[in-house]
N, C-alpha and C. Protein backbone atom coordinates (compact mmCIF):
# COMPACT_ATOMS: atom_id res chain seq x y z
N MET A 1 -12.31 1.40 17.28
CA MET A 1 -11.01 1.61 16.64
C MET A 1 -10.09 0.44 16.95
N ALA A 2 -9.44 -0.08 15.95
CA ALA A 2 -8.55 -1.21 16.12
C ALA A 2 -7.32 -0.82 16.94
N ASP A 3 -6.87 -1.72 17.84
CA ASP A 3 -5.64 -1.45 18.56
C ASP A 3 -4.45 -1.90 17.72
N ALA A 4 -3.25 -1.68 18.23
CA ALA A 4 -2.05 -1.95 17.43
C ALA A 4 -1.94 -3.41 17.05
N ALA A 5 -2.27 -4.32 17.97
CA ALA A 5 -2.17 -5.75 17.67
C ALA A 5 -3.15 -6.14 16.57
N GLU A 6 -4.36 -5.61 16.64
CA GLU A 6 -5.35 -5.93 15.61
C GLU A 6 -4.93 -5.34 14.26
N ARG A 7 -4.38 -4.16 14.28
CA ARG A 7 -3.90 -3.54 13.04
C ARG A 7 -2.83 -4.41 12.38
N ARG A 8 -1.91 -4.91 13.19
CA ARG A 8 -0.84 -5.75 12.62
C ARG A 8 -1.39 -7.08 12.14
N ALA A 9 -2.42 -7.58 12.79
CA ALA A 9 -3.03 -8.82 12.32
C ALA A 9 -3.71 -8.61 10.97
N ARG A 10 -4.37 -7.48 10.80
CA ARG A 10 -4.98 -7.16 9.50
C ARG A 10 -3.90 -7.02 8.43
N LEU A 11 -2.81 -6.36 8.78
CA LEU A 11 -1.73 -6.16 7.83
C LEU A 11 -1.14 -7.49 7.37
N ALA A 12 -1.02 -8.43 8.28
CA ALA A 12 -0.40 -9.71 7.97
C ALA A 12 -1.15 -10.47 6.89
N VAL A 13 -2.46 -10.28 6.80
CA VAL A 13 -3.27 -11.03 5.83
C VAL A 13 -3.68 -10.16 4.64
N ALA A 14 -3.23 -8.91 4.61
CA ALA A 14 -3.58 -8.01 3.51
C ALA A 14 -2.93 -8.46 2.21
N ARG A 15 -3.65 -8.30 1.10
CA ARG A 15 -3.14 -8.70 -0.22
C ARG A 15 -3.17 -7.57 -1.24
N LEU A 16 -4.17 -6.69 -1.14
CA LEU A 16 -4.35 -5.66 -2.17
C LEU A 16 -4.47 -4.29 -1.51
N TYR A 17 -3.67 -3.35 -1.99
CA TYR A 17 -3.47 -2.05 -1.35
C TYR A 17 -3.72 -0.98 -2.42
N LEU A 18 -4.62 -0.08 -2.14
CA LEU A 18 -4.98 1.00 -3.07
C LEU A 18 -4.46 2.33 -2.56
N VAL A 19 -3.73 3.05 -3.42
CA VAL A 19 -3.31 4.42 -3.13
C VAL A 19 -4.21 5.35 -3.94
N ILE A 20 -4.78 6.36 -3.27
CA ILE A 20 -5.80 7.18 -3.91
C ILE A 20 -5.63 8.64 -3.49
N ASP A 21 -6.03 9.55 -4.36
CA ASP A 21 -6.04 10.97 -4.04
C ASP A 21 -7.43 11.38 -3.54
N ALA A 22 -7.50 12.54 -2.94
CA ALA A 22 -8.74 12.97 -2.30
C ALA A 22 -9.88 13.12 -3.30
N ALA A 23 -9.61 13.66 -4.49
CA ALA A 23 -10.67 13.91 -5.46
C ALA A 23 -11.31 12.63 -5.96
N ALA A 24 -10.49 11.60 -6.18
CA ALA A 24 -11.01 10.34 -6.73
C ALA A 24 -11.61 9.43 -5.68
N ALA A 25 -11.26 9.64 -4.43
CA ALA A 25 -11.63 8.70 -3.38
C ALA A 25 -13.13 8.39 -3.28
N PRO A 26 -14.02 9.41 -3.30
CA PRO A 26 -15.44 9.10 -3.09
C PRO A 26 -16.03 8.15 -4.14
N GLU A 27 -15.56 8.24 -5.38
CA GLU A 27 -16.11 7.41 -6.45
C GLU A 27 -15.47 6.03 -6.53
N VAL A 28 -14.27 5.90 -5.98
CA VAL A 28 -13.49 4.68 -6.18
C VAL A 28 -13.44 3.79 -4.94
N VAL A 29 -13.22 4.37 -3.79
CA VAL A 29 -12.91 3.57 -2.60
C VAL A 29 -14.04 2.63 -2.17
N PRO A 30 -15.30 3.06 -2.14
CA PRO A 30 -16.33 2.12 -1.70
C PRO A 30 -16.38 0.84 -2.53
N ALA A 31 -16.35 0.98 -3.85
CA ALA A 31 -16.39 -0.21 -4.72
C ALA A 31 -15.13 -1.05 -4.56
N ALA A 32 -13.98 -0.40 -4.40
CA ALA A 32 -12.72 -1.13 -4.24
C ALA A 32 -12.71 -1.94 -2.95
N LEU A 33 -13.22 -1.36 -1.88
CA LEU A 33 -13.29 -2.09 -0.62
C LEU A 33 -14.24 -3.28 -0.72
N GLU A 34 -15.37 -3.08 -1.37
CA GLU A 34 -16.33 -4.17 -1.55
C GLU A 34 -15.71 -5.32 -2.34
N ALA A 35 -14.80 -4.99 -3.25
CA ALA A 35 -14.21 -6.00 -4.14
C ALA A 35 -12.97 -6.67 -3.56
N GLY A 36 -12.52 -6.23 -2.40
CA GLY A 36 -11.42 -6.94 -1.76
C GLY A 36 -10.16 -6.17 -1.48
N VAL A 37 -10.16 -4.84 -1.62
CA VAL A 37 -9.01 -4.05 -1.21
C VAL A 37 -8.89 -4.10 0.31
N ASP A 38 -7.67 -4.37 0.79
CA ASP A 38 -7.43 -4.53 2.23
C ASP A 38 -6.88 -3.28 2.89
N ILE A 39 -6.22 -2.43 2.10
CA ILE A 39 -5.59 -1.23 2.64
C ILE A 39 -5.84 -0.08 1.67
N VAL A 40 -6.17 1.08 2.21
CA VAL A 40 -6.32 2.30 1.41
C VAL A 40 -5.35 3.34 1.97
N GLN A 41 -4.59 3.93 1.08
CA GLN A 41 -3.69 5.02 1.47
C GLN A 41 -4.13 6.31 0.77
N LEU A 42 -4.28 7.36 1.55
CA LEU A 42 -4.54 8.68 0.99
C LEU A 42 -3.21 9.35 0.69
N ARG A 43 -2.93 9.55 -0.59
CA ARG A 43 -1.72 10.26 -1.01
C ARG A 43 -2.16 11.53 -1.70
N GLU A 44 -1.97 12.64 -1.03
CA GLU A 44 -2.49 13.92 -1.51
C GLU A 44 -1.39 14.97 -1.38
N LYS A 45 -0.92 15.47 -2.52
CA LYS A 45 0.19 16.41 -2.53
C LYS A 45 -0.26 17.87 -2.62
N HIS A 46 -1.53 18.12 -2.89
CA HIS A 46 -1.95 19.48 -3.21
C HIS A 46 -3.01 20.05 -2.26
N ALA A 47 -3.74 19.22 -1.56
CA ALA A 47 -4.81 19.70 -0.69
C ALA A 47 -4.23 20.33 0.58
N THR A 48 -5.04 21.11 1.25
CA THR A 48 -4.64 21.68 2.54
C THR A 48 -4.63 20.59 3.60
N ASP A 49 -3.96 20.88 4.70
CA ASP A 49 -3.95 19.92 5.81
C ASP A 49 -5.37 19.65 6.29
N GLU A 50 -6.20 20.69 6.34
CA GLU A 50 -7.57 20.52 6.81
C GLU A 50 -8.35 19.59 5.90
N GLU A 51 -8.13 19.70 4.60
CA GLU A 51 -8.83 18.83 3.66
C GLU A 51 -8.36 17.39 3.79
N ILE A 52 -7.07 17.22 3.97
CA ILE A 52 -6.55 15.87 4.14
C ILE A 52 -7.13 15.21 5.39
N VAL A 53 -7.21 15.95 6.47
CA VAL A 53 -7.78 15.40 7.70
C VAL A 53 -9.26 15.08 7.51
N ARG A 54 -9.99 15.94 6.82
CA ARG A 54 -11.42 15.69 6.60
C ARG A 54 -11.63 14.44 5.76
N VAL A 55 -10.97 14.37 4.61
CA VAL A 55 -11.11 13.21 3.74
C VAL A 55 -10.58 11.96 4.44
N GLY A 56 -9.48 12.12 5.17
CA GLY A 56 -8.93 10.99 5.90
C GLY A 56 -9.91 10.40 6.89
N GLY A 57 -10.63 11.25 7.59
CA GLY A 57 -11.63 10.75 8.53
C GLY A 57 -12.73 9.96 7.83
N GLU A 58 -13.14 10.43 6.66
CA GLU A 58 -14.17 9.73 5.90
C GLU A 58 -13.66 8.38 5.41
N LEU A 59 -12.42 8.34 4.92
CA LEU A 59 -11.87 7.09 4.44
C LEU A 59 -11.62 6.11 5.58
N LEU A 60 -11.21 6.62 6.72
CA LEU A 60 -11.03 5.76 7.89
C LEU A 60 -12.34 5.05 8.24
N ALA A 61 -13.44 5.80 8.24
CA ALA A 61 -14.74 5.21 8.56
C ALA A 61 -15.11 4.13 7.56
N LEU A 62 -14.89 4.38 6.27
CA LEU A 62 -15.17 3.37 5.25
C LEU A 62 -14.32 2.13 5.45
N CYS A 63 -13.04 2.32 5.72
CA CYS A 63 -12.15 1.18 5.91
C CYS A 63 -12.56 0.36 7.13
N GLU A 64 -12.92 1.02 8.20
CA GLU A 64 -13.35 0.31 9.40
C GLU A 64 -14.58 -0.55 9.13
N GLN A 65 -15.47 -0.06 8.28
CA GLN A 65 -16.66 -0.84 7.94
C GLN A 65 -16.32 -2.13 7.22
N HIS A 66 -15.17 -2.18 6.56
CA HIS A 66 -14.77 -3.36 5.78
C HIS A 66 -13.58 -4.08 6.39
N ASP A 67 -13.27 -3.79 7.66
CA ASP A 67 -12.11 -4.40 8.33
C ASP A 67 -10.83 -4.18 7.53
N ALA A 68 -10.73 -3.04 6.88
CA ALA A 68 -9.54 -2.68 6.11
C ALA A 68 -8.73 -1.65 6.89
N LEU A 69 -7.50 -1.47 6.47
CA LEU A 69 -6.61 -0.50 7.09
C LEU A 69 -6.57 0.79 6.30
N PHE A 70 -6.36 1.90 7.00
CA PHE A 70 -6.25 3.20 6.35
C PHE A 70 -4.93 3.86 6.71
N PHE A 71 -4.18 4.28 5.69
CA PHE A 71 -2.90 4.94 5.86
C PHE A 71 -2.93 6.33 5.23
N VAL A 72 -2.08 7.20 5.74
CA VAL A 72 -1.83 8.51 5.15
C VAL A 72 -0.39 8.52 4.66
N ASN A 73 -0.15 9.11 3.52
CA ASN A 73 1.18 9.18 2.94
C ASN A 73 2.00 10.33 3.53
N ASP A 74 3.22 10.07 3.86
CA ASP A 74 4.25 11.08 4.17
C ASP A 74 4.12 11.76 5.54
N ARG A 75 2.91 11.97 6.05
CA ARG A 75 2.70 12.91 7.15
C ARG A 75 2.22 12.22 8.43
N PRO A 76 3.12 11.85 9.33
CA PRO A 76 2.69 11.25 10.59
C PRO A 76 1.76 12.16 11.38
N ASP A 77 1.96 13.48 11.29
CA ASP A 77 1.11 14.39 12.04
C ASP A 77 -0.33 14.34 11.55
N LEU A 78 -0.53 14.29 10.22
CA LEU A 78 -1.89 14.23 9.69
C LEU A 78 -2.50 12.84 9.87
N ALA A 79 -1.67 11.82 9.83
CA ALA A 79 -2.17 10.47 10.12
C ALA A 79 -2.75 10.44 11.53
N GLY A 80 -2.04 11.04 12.48
CA GLY A 80 -2.55 11.09 13.84
C GLY A 80 -3.80 11.94 13.97
N ALA A 81 -3.85 13.05 13.23
CA ALA A 81 -4.98 13.97 13.33
C ALA A 81 -6.28 13.34 12.85
N CYS A 82 -6.22 12.46 11.86
CA CYS A 82 -7.46 11.84 11.37
C CYS A 82 -7.65 10.43 11.90
N GLY A 83 -6.77 9.99 12.80
CA GLY A 83 -6.94 8.68 13.42
C GLY A 83 -6.56 7.51 12.54
N ALA A 84 -5.72 7.75 11.52
CA ALA A 84 -5.35 6.68 10.60
C ALA A 84 -4.66 5.54 11.33
N HIS A 85 -4.79 4.35 10.74
CA HIS A 85 -4.12 3.18 11.31
C HIS A 85 -2.61 3.25 11.12
N GLY A 86 -2.17 3.96 10.07
CA GLY A 86 -0.74 3.99 9.81
C GLY A 86 -0.33 5.12 8.89
N VAL A 87 0.97 5.21 8.67
CA VAL A 87 1.55 6.21 7.78
C VAL A 87 2.57 5.51 6.89
N HIS A 88 2.63 5.93 5.63
CA HIS A 88 3.62 5.38 4.71
C HIS A 88 4.66 6.44 4.42
N LEU A 89 5.93 6.07 4.57
CA LEU A 89 7.03 7.01 4.41
C LEU A 89 7.93 6.62 3.25
N GLY A 90 8.39 7.63 2.51
CA GLY A 90 9.41 7.43 1.52
C GLY A 90 10.79 7.45 2.18
N GLN A 91 11.81 7.22 1.37
CA GLN A 91 13.16 7.20 1.92
C GLN A 91 13.60 8.56 2.47
N ASP A 92 12.97 9.63 2.02
CA ASP A 92 13.38 10.97 2.45
C ASP A 92 12.34 11.67 3.32
N ASP A 93 11.42 10.90 3.88
CA ASP A 93 10.32 11.50 4.63
C ASP A 93 10.54 11.58 6.13
N GLY A 94 11.73 11.35 6.60
CA GLY A 94 11.99 11.47 8.02
C GLY A 94 12.16 10.12 8.69
N PRO A 95 12.66 10.12 9.91
CA PRO A 95 12.97 8.87 10.61
C PRO A 95 11.73 8.09 11.02
N ILE A 96 11.77 6.80 10.80
CA ILE A 96 10.66 5.94 11.22
C ILE A 96 10.46 6.00 12.72
N ASP A 97 11.54 6.08 13.47
CA ASP A 97 11.44 6.02 14.92
C ASP A 97 10.72 7.22 15.52
N SER A 98 10.46 8.25 14.71
CA SER A 98 9.72 9.41 15.22
C SER A 98 8.21 9.17 15.24
N VAL A 99 7.75 8.08 14.61
CA VAL A 99 6.32 7.76 14.56
C VAL A 99 5.91 7.04 15.83
N ARG A 100 4.73 7.37 16.34
CA ARG A 100 4.23 6.74 17.56
C ARG A 100 4.16 5.22 17.40
N ASP A 101 4.38 4.51 18.51
CA ASP A 101 4.41 3.05 18.47
C ASP A 101 3.07 2.43 18.09
N ASP A 102 1.98 3.13 18.36
CA ASP A 102 0.67 2.55 18.06
C ASP A 102 0.22 2.84 16.62
N VAL A 103 1.07 3.48 15.84
CA VAL A 103 0.76 3.77 14.44
C VAL A 103 1.63 2.87 13.55
N LEU A 104 1.00 2.13 12.65
CA LEU A 104 1.75 1.29 11.73
C LEU A 104 2.58 2.16 10.79
N VAL A 105 3.71 1.63 10.36
CA VAL A 105 4.61 2.37 9.48
C VAL A 105 4.97 1.51 8.27
N GLY A 106 4.78 2.07 7.08
CA GLY A 106 5.26 1.45 5.86
C GLY A 106 6.39 2.25 5.27
N LEU A 107 7.28 1.58 4.54
CA LEU A 107 8.47 2.23 4.02
C LEU A 107 8.68 1.85 2.56
N SER A 108 8.96 2.83 1.70
CA SER A 108 9.28 2.57 0.30
C SER A 108 10.73 2.11 0.17
N THR A 109 10.98 1.15 -0.72
CA THR A 109 12.35 0.71 -1.00
C THR A 109 12.55 0.61 -2.50
N HIS A 110 13.78 0.92 -2.94
CA HIS A 110 14.07 0.97 -4.37
C HIS A 110 15.36 0.24 -4.75
N SER A 111 15.97 -0.45 -3.79
CA SER A 111 17.23 -1.12 -4.06
C SER A 111 17.38 -2.29 -3.10
N PRO A 112 18.26 -3.24 -3.40
CA PRO A 112 18.49 -4.34 -2.45
C PRO A 112 18.93 -3.85 -1.08
N GLU A 113 19.77 -2.82 -1.05
CA GLU A 113 20.23 -2.30 0.24
C GLU A 113 19.09 -1.73 1.06
N GLN A 114 18.17 -1.04 0.39
CA GLN A 114 17.02 -0.48 1.11
C GLN A 114 16.06 -1.56 1.57
N VAL A 115 15.92 -2.62 0.78
CA VAL A 115 15.10 -3.76 1.21
C VAL A 115 15.68 -4.36 2.49
N ASP A 116 16.98 -4.58 2.50
CA ASP A 116 17.62 -5.17 3.68
C ASP A 116 17.46 -4.27 4.90
N GLU A 117 17.60 -2.97 4.70
CA GLU A 117 17.45 -2.04 5.81
C GLU A 117 16.02 -2.02 6.31
N ALA A 118 15.05 -2.09 5.40
CA ALA A 118 13.64 -2.10 5.80
C ALA A 118 13.32 -3.34 6.63
N ILE A 119 13.90 -4.46 6.26
CA ILE A 119 13.67 -5.69 7.02
C ILE A 119 14.20 -5.54 8.45
N ARG A 120 15.32 -4.87 8.60
CA ARG A 120 15.91 -4.69 9.93
C ARG A 120 15.23 -3.59 10.73
N SER A 121 14.51 -2.72 10.06
CA SER A 121 13.97 -1.51 10.70
C SER A 121 12.71 -1.80 11.50
N ARG A 122 12.20 -0.75 12.10
CA ARG A 122 10.96 -0.82 12.86
C ARG A 122 9.73 -0.86 11.94
N ALA A 123 9.91 -0.65 10.64
CA ALA A 123 8.77 -0.62 9.71
C ALA A 123 7.93 -1.89 9.84
N ASP A 124 6.62 -1.72 9.78
CA ASP A 124 5.72 -2.87 9.86
C ASP A 124 5.58 -3.57 8.52
N TYR A 125 5.81 -2.85 7.44
CA TYR A 125 5.84 -3.44 6.10
C TYR A 125 6.71 -2.56 5.22
N PHE A 126 7.07 -3.08 4.05
CA PHE A 126 7.77 -2.24 3.08
C PHE A 126 7.23 -2.51 1.69
N ALA A 127 7.42 -1.53 0.82
CA ALA A 127 6.97 -1.63 -0.56
C ALA A 127 8.20 -1.63 -1.47
N VAL A 128 8.18 -2.48 -2.49
CA VAL A 128 9.30 -2.66 -3.41
C VAL A 128 8.90 -2.10 -4.78
N GLY A 129 9.66 -1.12 -5.28
CA GLY A 129 9.30 -0.59 -6.58
C GLY A 129 9.99 0.74 -6.88
N PRO A 130 9.54 1.40 -7.94
CA PRO A 130 8.45 0.99 -8.83
C PRO A 130 8.90 -0.15 -9.75
N VAL A 131 8.08 -1.20 -9.80
CA VAL A 131 8.41 -2.35 -10.62
C VAL A 131 8.46 -1.93 -12.09
N TYR A 132 7.47 -1.17 -12.51
CA TYR A 132 7.42 -0.62 -13.87
C TYR A 132 7.38 0.90 -13.78
N GLU A 133 7.80 1.57 -14.84
CA GLU A 133 7.72 3.02 -14.84
C GLU A 133 6.27 3.47 -14.70
N THR A 134 6.08 4.53 -13.96
CA THR A 134 4.73 5.01 -13.71
C THR A 134 4.72 6.52 -13.58
N PRO A 135 3.72 7.20 -14.12
CA PRO A 135 3.65 8.66 -14.00
C PRO A 135 3.40 9.13 -12.57
N THR A 136 2.94 8.25 -11.70
CA THR A 136 2.76 8.66 -10.30
C THR A 136 4.09 8.83 -9.58
N LYS A 137 5.17 8.29 -10.17
CA LYS A 137 6.52 8.49 -9.64
C LYS A 137 7.42 8.94 -10.79
N ALA A 138 7.07 10.05 -11.39
CA ALA A 138 7.79 10.56 -12.55
C ALA A 138 9.26 10.78 -12.22
N GLY A 139 10.12 10.32 -13.12
CA GLY A 139 11.55 10.51 -12.95
C GLY A 139 12.25 9.43 -12.17
N ARG A 140 11.49 8.54 -11.52
CA ARG A 140 12.12 7.46 -10.79
C ARG A 140 12.20 6.23 -11.69
N PRO A 141 13.37 5.71 -11.94
CA PRO A 141 13.49 4.56 -12.85
C PRO A 141 12.86 3.31 -12.27
N ALA A 142 12.35 2.48 -13.15
CA ALA A 142 11.76 1.21 -12.72
C ALA A 142 12.84 0.28 -12.19
N VAL A 143 12.50 -0.46 -11.15
CA VAL A 143 13.46 -1.42 -10.59
C VAL A 143 13.34 -2.78 -11.26
N GLY A 144 12.23 -3.02 -11.95
CA GLY A 144 12.03 -4.28 -12.64
C GLY A 144 11.67 -5.42 -11.69
N LEU A 145 11.46 -6.59 -12.29
CA LEU A 145 11.08 -7.76 -11.50
C LEU A 145 12.24 -8.28 -10.65
N GLU A 146 13.46 -7.87 -10.97
CA GLU A 146 14.61 -8.38 -10.23
C GLU A 146 14.54 -8.02 -8.75
N LEU A 147 14.09 -6.80 -8.44
CA LEU A 147 14.01 -6.42 -7.03
C LEU A 147 12.87 -7.16 -6.34
N VAL A 148 11.81 -7.45 -7.05
CA VAL A 148 10.73 -8.28 -6.49
C VAL A 148 11.29 -9.65 -6.14
N GLU A 149 12.05 -10.23 -7.06
CA GLU A 149 12.65 -11.55 -6.81
C GLU A 149 13.61 -11.49 -5.63
N TYR A 150 14.36 -10.40 -5.52
CA TYR A 150 15.29 -10.24 -4.40
C TYR A 150 14.53 -10.22 -3.08
N ALA A 151 13.47 -9.41 -3.01
CA ALA A 151 12.69 -9.32 -1.77
C ALA A 151 12.08 -10.67 -1.42
N ALA A 152 11.58 -11.39 -2.44
CA ALA A 152 10.97 -12.70 -2.19
C ALA A 152 11.99 -13.68 -1.62
N ALA A 153 13.22 -13.59 -2.08
CA ALA A 153 14.27 -14.50 -1.62
C ALA A 153 14.72 -14.20 -0.19
N ARG A 154 14.43 -13.00 0.31
CA ARG A 154 14.87 -12.64 1.66
C ARG A 154 14.05 -13.35 2.73
N GLU A 155 12.86 -13.82 2.36
CA GLU A 155 11.97 -14.49 3.32
C GLU A 155 11.79 -13.62 4.56
N ALA A 156 11.46 -12.37 4.33
CA ALA A 156 11.28 -11.42 5.43
C ALA A 156 10.13 -11.84 6.33
N GLU A 157 10.29 -11.59 7.61
CA GLU A 157 9.26 -11.93 8.57
C GLU A 157 8.20 -10.84 8.67
N LYS A 158 8.28 -9.82 7.84
CA LYS A 158 7.26 -8.77 7.83
C LYS A 158 6.66 -8.70 6.43
N PRO A 159 5.43 -8.24 6.29
CA PRO A 159 4.80 -8.17 4.97
C PRO A 159 5.51 -7.19 4.06
N TRP A 160 5.50 -7.48 2.77
CA TRP A 160 6.01 -6.52 1.79
C TRP A 160 5.13 -6.58 0.54
N PHE A 161 5.12 -5.47 -0.18
CA PHE A 161 4.24 -5.29 -1.33
C PHE A 161 5.06 -4.86 -2.54
N ALA A 162 4.67 -5.33 -3.71
CA ALA A 162 5.21 -4.80 -4.96
C ALA A 162 4.36 -3.62 -5.39
N ILE A 163 5.00 -2.58 -5.94
CA ILE A 163 4.30 -1.35 -6.30
C ILE A 163 4.91 -0.76 -7.56
N GLY A 164 4.11 -0.06 -8.34
CA GLY A 164 4.62 0.72 -9.45
C GLY A 164 4.23 0.18 -10.81
N GLY A 165 3.23 0.81 -11.44
CA GLY A 165 2.84 0.45 -12.79
C GLY A 165 2.17 -0.91 -12.90
N ILE A 166 1.70 -1.45 -11.79
CA ILE A 166 1.08 -2.77 -11.81
C ILE A 166 -0.39 -2.65 -12.18
N ASP A 167 -0.84 -3.49 -13.11
CA ASP A 167 -2.24 -3.51 -13.51
C ASP A 167 -2.64 -4.93 -13.87
N THR A 168 -3.84 -5.09 -14.39
CA THR A 168 -4.33 -6.45 -14.66
C THR A 168 -3.55 -7.14 -15.77
N SER A 169 -2.82 -6.37 -16.60
CA SER A 169 -2.07 -6.98 -17.69
C SER A 169 -0.73 -7.55 -17.26
N ASN A 170 -0.17 -7.04 -16.17
CA ASN A 170 1.15 -7.50 -15.74
C ASN A 170 1.20 -8.05 -14.32
N ALA A 171 0.07 -8.04 -13.62
CA ALA A 171 0.06 -8.53 -12.24
C ALA A 171 0.51 -9.98 -12.16
N GLY A 172 0.15 -10.77 -13.17
CA GLY A 172 0.55 -12.17 -13.16
C GLY A 172 2.06 -12.33 -13.15
N ALA A 173 2.77 -11.50 -13.92
CA ALA A 173 4.23 -11.57 -13.94
C ALA A 173 4.83 -11.15 -12.61
N VAL A 174 4.21 -10.16 -11.96
CA VAL A 174 4.72 -9.68 -10.68
C VAL A 174 4.56 -10.75 -9.60
N VAL A 175 3.41 -11.39 -9.56
CA VAL A 175 3.24 -12.43 -8.54
C VAL A 175 4.09 -13.66 -8.87
N ALA A 176 4.31 -13.92 -10.15
CA ALA A 176 5.19 -15.04 -10.53
C ALA A 176 6.62 -14.79 -10.07
N ALA A 177 7.01 -13.52 -9.96
CA ALA A 177 8.35 -13.17 -9.48
C ALA A 177 8.47 -13.29 -7.97
N GLY A 178 7.35 -13.53 -7.30
CA GLY A 178 7.42 -13.76 -5.86
C GLY A 178 6.59 -12.85 -4.99
N ALA A 179 5.94 -11.85 -5.57
CA ALA A 179 5.11 -10.95 -4.77
C ALA A 179 3.81 -11.62 -4.38
N GLN A 180 3.44 -11.50 -3.13
CA GLN A 180 2.16 -12.01 -2.66
C GLN A 180 1.23 -10.89 -2.22
N ARG A 181 1.67 -9.66 -2.45
CA ARG A 181 0.87 -8.48 -2.11
C ARG A 181 1.17 -7.41 -3.14
N LEU A 182 0.14 -6.66 -3.54
CA LEU A 182 0.29 -5.65 -4.57
C LEU A 182 -0.25 -4.32 -4.09
N VAL A 183 0.43 -3.24 -4.50
CA VAL A 183 -0.07 -1.88 -4.34
C VAL A 183 -0.36 -1.33 -5.73
N VAL A 184 -1.54 -0.74 -5.90
CA VAL A 184 -1.89 -0.16 -7.20
C VAL A 184 -2.48 1.23 -7.00
N VAL A 185 -2.39 2.02 -8.06
CA VAL A 185 -2.99 3.35 -8.09
C VAL A 185 -3.95 3.41 -9.28
N ARG A 186 -3.38 3.64 -10.47
CA ARG A 186 -4.20 3.86 -11.66
C ARG A 186 -5.01 2.64 -12.06
N ALA A 187 -4.52 1.44 -11.78
CA ALA A 187 -5.21 0.22 -12.22
C ALA A 187 -6.61 0.13 -11.66
N ILE A 188 -6.83 0.71 -10.49
CA ILE A 188 -8.17 0.74 -9.91
C ILE A 188 -8.78 2.13 -10.08
N ARG A 189 -8.02 3.17 -9.77
CA ARG A 189 -8.56 4.54 -9.83
C ARG A 189 -9.11 4.90 -11.20
N ASP A 190 -8.38 4.53 -12.25
CA ASP A 190 -8.75 4.95 -13.60
C ASP A 190 -9.57 3.91 -14.35
N ALA A 191 -9.90 2.81 -13.71
CA ALA A 191 -10.66 1.75 -14.39
C ALA A 191 -12.11 2.19 -14.60
N ALA A 192 -12.70 1.72 -15.69
CA ALA A 192 -14.11 2.00 -15.94
C ALA A 192 -14.97 1.42 -14.83
N ASP A 193 -14.56 0.27 -14.30
CA ASP A 193 -15.25 -0.39 -13.19
C ASP A 193 -14.21 -0.69 -12.11
N PRO A 194 -14.02 0.22 -11.14
CA PRO A 194 -12.98 0.02 -10.13
C PRO A 194 -13.16 -1.28 -9.34
N GLY A 195 -14.39 -1.64 -9.07
CA GLY A 195 -14.63 -2.86 -8.33
C GLY A 195 -14.19 -4.09 -9.10
N ALA A 196 -14.50 -4.14 -10.38
CA ALA A 196 -14.10 -5.28 -11.20
C ALA A 196 -12.58 -5.35 -11.32
N ALA A 197 -11.94 -4.22 -11.47
CA ALA A 197 -10.47 -4.20 -11.56
C ALA A 197 -9.86 -4.70 -10.26
N ALA A 198 -10.40 -4.26 -9.13
CA ALA A 198 -9.89 -4.72 -7.84
C ALA A 198 -10.07 -6.22 -7.68
N ALA A 199 -11.21 -6.72 -8.07
CA ALA A 199 -11.48 -8.16 -7.95
C ALA A 199 -10.51 -8.97 -8.80
N GLU A 200 -10.23 -8.51 -10.02
CA GLU A 200 -9.31 -9.24 -10.90
C GLU A 200 -7.89 -9.22 -10.34
N LEU A 201 -7.46 -8.08 -9.84
CA LEU A 201 -6.13 -7.99 -9.25
C LEU A 201 -6.00 -8.89 -8.03
N ARG A 202 -7.04 -8.91 -7.22
CA ARG A 202 -6.99 -9.76 -6.03
C ARG A 202 -6.92 -11.24 -6.42
N SER A 203 -7.59 -11.60 -7.49
CA SER A 203 -7.57 -13.01 -7.91
C SER A 203 -6.16 -13.44 -8.30
N HIS A 204 -5.39 -12.54 -8.92
CA HIS A 204 -4.00 -12.85 -9.26
C HIS A 204 -3.20 -13.16 -7.99
N VAL A 205 -3.38 -12.32 -6.97
CA VAL A 205 -2.62 -12.49 -5.74
C VAL A 205 -3.04 -13.76 -5.01
N GLU A 206 -4.33 -13.99 -4.90
CA GLU A 206 -4.81 -15.16 -4.18
C GLU A 206 -4.35 -16.44 -4.87
N GLN A 207 -4.29 -16.44 -6.19
CA GLN A 207 -3.79 -17.61 -6.91
C GLN A 207 -2.33 -17.86 -6.56
N ALA A 208 -1.54 -16.79 -6.50
CA ALA A 208 -0.13 -16.93 -6.17
C ALA A 208 0.05 -17.45 -4.74
N VAL A 209 -0.74 -16.93 -3.81
CA VAL A 209 -0.65 -17.38 -2.43
C VAL A 209 -1.02 -18.85 -2.30
N GLY A 210 -2.08 -19.23 -3.03
CA GLY A 210 -2.51 -20.62 -2.99
C GLY A 210 -1.45 -21.57 -3.52
N GLN A 211 -0.75 -21.16 -4.55
CA GLN A 211 0.30 -22.00 -5.13
C GLN A 211 1.51 -22.09 -4.23
N ALA A 212 1.74 -21.04 -3.43
CA ALA A 212 2.91 -21.03 -2.55
C ALA A 212 2.70 -21.87 -1.29
N GLN A 213 1.46 -22.14 -0.95
CA GLN A 213 1.16 -22.87 0.27
C GLN A 213 1.25 -24.38 0.07
């Protein structure tokens, strides 16, 4: 099991982050990891706690085999129960400081003020979005590329990811706005070939990183 320092080192070089539900995970995650996904988050709103812990343990093992990180959405208690590397919290999911120090913490942001607060906070990374409207966040308005550009201009010393409605058709625009890391859901989960979709998305990010160096 990776210690906290190793987890943060993996996070620092991560480029592609997949959010997945329990039902889709077995068919999607292995191919996505093979194709270059660096982080997998289990986001499950309907399963029992026992099911989340069971699936979480399986995903943790897969991620460890590929030197990838595994996160659980919303629930620090379940992240701890399945040994996850970290937990991702929304703005209304409770205080970051309540999470154990050896567990990585990600934070969602939807405005310039929240981006600034995330940079100052204990969060190990933050996500900016939703860049585009997405059914996975129904009712939440898109923040557009402007917030991506804002986050890029902050030159934060911690990793951050663009999220929300990103797929192979618009990833180029998102990285052009300054994102060097992407979070996706449907673009990989719903693809006919999840591995190919992951590889194409990663190529967009790696090209952007190469141009920035």
